[in-house]
Amino acid sequence: MALTIPVFVFAAPKQFENVTTMMDEYNDYPSDFGAFKVLKEKPLSIQISPKVMNGDSEESIINASNKAAVYGAYRILLQTPNDSVAIKVIPLSINMQTMNKEYLEAYKFSFKINRVQAMALAKKNSGISKTNLLIGEDGYEWNGKFKECCFTDTGTPGLNQFVKDLTHQK
């Protein structure tokens, strides 16, 4: 009798020709709303703006900004040909009564990161060393281990510390 060993195959995350195509398809940070902008094509520089509501707590604004930083860095470096990216994160506040939008300059931060640095940081914190394992089998959601340690505050090191490390790469 032959022994059967289950084999798990994870496909590489979907690859996009460029960052604009990827962001338009996912639509998590819609460019037509002001939540995403390409500031410069070469070298790639982008602005990503998480949507927050007028009156949100500072903690909520920081949390949304940190998630946008991780999203921007890892989506771009894993799913486009870009080897590096400069990212400006600036939350976009929406007043639901007036529908006015305002960039919250006081919460703005910027950083640069390349694929090697991003993967080293992911490996250090989640133990995942292969790009095809950072995104789940559905091709969109983050892998459970990466999500837990680097996209929520319940894991170790947690979102805030992970973003601090992410934004201070040398």
Protein backbone atom coordinates (compact mmCIF):
# COMPACT_ATOMS: atom_id res chain seq x y z
CA MET A 1 0.00 0.00 0.00
CA ALA A 2 1.40 3.38 -1.02
CA LEU A 3 1.65 6.19 1.45
CA THR A 4 -0.09 9.34 0.27
CA ILE A 5 1.31 12.65 1.37
CA PRO A 6 -0.85 15.72 0.84
CA VAL A 7 0.83 18.42 -1.17
CA PHE A 8 -0.11 22.03 -0.74
CA VAL A 9 0.58 24.27 -3.68
CA PHE A 10 0.35 27.99 -3.33
CA ALA A 11 0.25 29.93 -6.54
CA ALA A 12 2.11 33.15 -6.79
CA PRO A 13 -0.09 36.19 -6.21
CA LYS A 14 -1.61 37.67 -9.35
CA GLN A 15 0.89 39.87 -11.15
CA PHE A 16 -0.08 43.24 -12.59
CA GLU A 17 1.70 45.16 -15.32
CA ASN A 18 1.77 48.30 -13.19
CA VAL A 19 0.61 49.71 -9.89
CA THR A 20 -2.28 51.72 -11.35
CA THR A 21 -3.84 48.63 -12.93
CA MET A 22 -3.54 46.73 -9.64
CA MET A 23 -5.01 49.51 -7.53
CA ASP A 24 -7.86 50.05 -9.99
CA GLU A 25 -8.71 46.36 -10.00
CA TYR A 26 -8.69 45.97 -6.20
CA ASN A 27 -10.30 49.39 -5.65
CA ASP A 28 -9.46 49.40 -1.94
CA TYR A 29 -7.98 52.88 -2.29
CA PRO A 30 -9.83 54.35 -5.29
CA SER A 31 -7.91 56.91 -7.31
CA ASP A 32 -11.09 58.66 -8.44
CA PHE A 33 -11.81 59.37 -4.77
CA GLY A 34 -8.33 60.71 -4.04
CA ALA A 35 -7.26 57.68 -2.01
CA PHE A 36 -4.45 56.66 -4.38
CA LYS A 37 -2.08 58.63 -6.61
CA VAL A 38 1.06 57.83 -8.54
CA LEU A 39 3.33 60.76 -7.75
CA LYS A 40 6.19 59.60 -9.97
CA GLU A 41 6.59 56.57 -12.28
CA LYS A 42 10.38 56.12 -12.11
CA PRO A 43 11.47 55.60 -9.49
CA LEU A 44 7.99 54.70 -8.31
CA SER A 45 6.51 57.07 -5.75
CA ILE A 46 2.89 56.83 -4.62
CA GLN A 47 0.45 58.42 -2.21
CA ILE A 48 -2.03 56.18 -0.43
CA SER A 49 -4.80 57.71 1.66
CA PRO A 50 -6.96 55.60 3.93
CA LYS A 51 -10.50 56.88 4.22
CA VAL A 52 -11.41 57.95 7.75
CA MET A 53 -14.51 59.65 9.03
CA ASN A 54 -14.57 63.19 10.34
CA GLY A 55 -14.36 62.85 14.12
CA ASP A 56 -12.58 59.45 14.15
CA SER A 57 -10.25 58.94 17.09
CA GLU A 58 -6.52 59.42 16.71
CA GLU A 59 -6.10 55.68 17.31
CA SER A 60 -8.46 54.85 14.41
CA ILE A 61 -6.67 57.27 12.09
CA ILE A 62 -3.25 55.85 12.97
CA ASN A 63 -4.52 52.27 12.59
CA ALA A 64 -6.00 53.00 9.14
CA SER A 65 -2.79 54.77 8.09
CA ASN A 66 -0.61 51.88 9.26
CA LYS A 67 -2.73 49.35 7.37
CA ALA A 68 -2.47 51.50 4.25
CA ALA A 69 1.33 51.55 4.60
CA VAL A 70 1.54 47.75 4.78
CA TYR A 71 -0.99 47.35 1.98
CA GLY A 72 0.83 49.78 -0.32
CA ALA A 73 4.30 48.39 0.28
CA TYR A 74 3.49 44.69 0.09
CA ARG A 75 0.90 44.80 -2.71
CA ILE A 76 3.23 46.83 -4.92
CA LEU A 77 6.36 44.80 -4.19
CA LEU A 78 4.60 41.42 -4.43
CA GLN A 79 2.22 42.02 -7.30
CA THR A 80 3.95 44.43 -9.70
CA PRO A 81 7.38 44.44 -11.37
CA ASN A 82 8.56 47.26 -9.09
CA ASP A 83 11.56 46.37 -6.92
CA SER A 84 11.21 49.45 -4.73
CA VAL A 85 8.69 52.13 -3.88
CA ALA A 86 8.50 55.44 -2.05
CA ILE A 87 5.21 55.73 -0.19
CA LYS A 88 3.50 58.76 1.27
CA VAL A 89 0.63 57.87 3.60
CA ILE A 90 -1.83 60.65 4.34
CA PRO A 91 -5.32 59.87 5.67
CA LEU A 92 -8.33 61.34 3.89
CA SER A 93 -11.06 62.52 6.25
CA ILE A 94 -14.64 62.49 5.01
CA ASN A 95 -17.43 64.53 6.54
CA MET A 96 -20.54 62.38 5.99
CA GLN A 97 -22.94 65.32 6.39
CA THR A 98 -21.32 67.55 3.77
CA MET A 99 -19.33 64.88 1.86
CA ASN A 100 -16.32 67.21 2.04
CA LYS A 101 -12.91 65.54 1.98
CA GLU A 102 -9.74 66.77 3.64
CA TYR A 103 -6.23 65.29 3.77
CA LEU A 104 -5.04 65.10 7.36
CA GLU A 105 -1.52 66.53 7.03
CA ALA A 106 -0.81 66.08 10.74
CA TYR A 107 -0.85 62.27 10.27
CA LYS A 108 1.25 62.17 7.09
CA PHE A 109 4.37 59.98 6.92
CA SER A 110 6.63 58.78 4.14
CA PHE A 111 9.08 55.94 3.64
CA LYS A 112 10.99 54.00 1.00
CA ILE A 113 11.33 50.24 0.86
CA ASN A 114 12.56 47.63 -1.57
CA ARG A 115 11.51 44.02 -2.11
CA VAL A 116 14.54 42.54 -0.30
CA GLN A 117 13.92 44.69 2.79
CA ALA A 118 10.18 43.92 2.78
CA MET A 119 10.74 40.17 2.54
CA ALA A 120 13.40 40.20 5.27
CA LEU A 121 10.99 42.06 7.56
CA ALA A 122 8.15 39.66 6.73
CA LYS A 123 10.38 36.65 7.42
CA LYS A 124 11.64 38.10 10.71
CA ASN A 125 8.10 38.69 11.98
CA SER A 126 5.97 35.96 10.41
CA GLY A 127 8.50 33.27 9.52
CA ILE A 128 7.32 33.44 5.90
CA SER A 129 10.22 33.72 3.48
CA LYS A 130 8.51 33.17 0.13
CA THR A 131 6.54 35.88 -1.62
CA ASN A 132 3.90 33.43 -2.80
CA LEU A 133 3.05 32.59 0.82
CA LEU A 134 2.35 36.13 2.04
CA ILE A 135 -0.94 36.29 0.20
CA GLY A 136 -3.53 33.58 0.85
CA GLU A 137 -4.81 30.96 -1.54
CA ASP A 138 -7.57 33.28 -2.78
CA GLY A 139 -4.89 35.57 -4.22
CA TYR A 140 -6.17 38.61 -2.35
CA GLU A 141 -6.32 38.19 1.45
CA TRP A 142 -3.10 38.21 3.45
CA ASN A 143 -1.85 34.83 4.65
CA GLY A 144 -3.03 34.11 8.22
CA LYS A 145 0.45 34.26 9.77
CA PHE A 146 1.41 37.47 7.98
CA LYS A 147 -1.98 39.06 8.71
CA GLU A 148 -1.77 38.14 12.39
CA CYS A 149 1.71 39.48 13.01
CA CYS A 150 1.80 42.41 10.65
CA PHE A 151 -1.72 43.63 9.85
CA THR A 152 -3.53 43.41 13.20
CA ASP A 153 -2.60 44.40 16.72
CA THR A 154 -3.34 40.97 18.17
CA GLY A 155 -0.16 39.30 16.90
CA THR A 156 3.51 39.84 17.53
CA PRO A 157 4.91 42.38 16.86
CA GLY A 158 1.52 43.83 15.92
CA LEU A 159 0.61 46.38 13.29
CA ASN A 160 2.05 49.49 14.98
CA GLN A 161 5.49 47.99 15.68
CA PHE A 162 5.60 46.33 12.26
CA VAL A 163 4.93 49.67 10.55
CA LYS A 164 7.57 51.35 12.71
CA ASP A 165 10.06 48.74 11.47
CA LEU A 166 8.73 48.98 7.89
CA THR A 167 9.13 52.74 7.74
CA HIS A 168 12.62 52.78 9.21
CA GLN A 169 14.45 50.42 6.81
CA LYS A 170 18.03 51.34 5.97
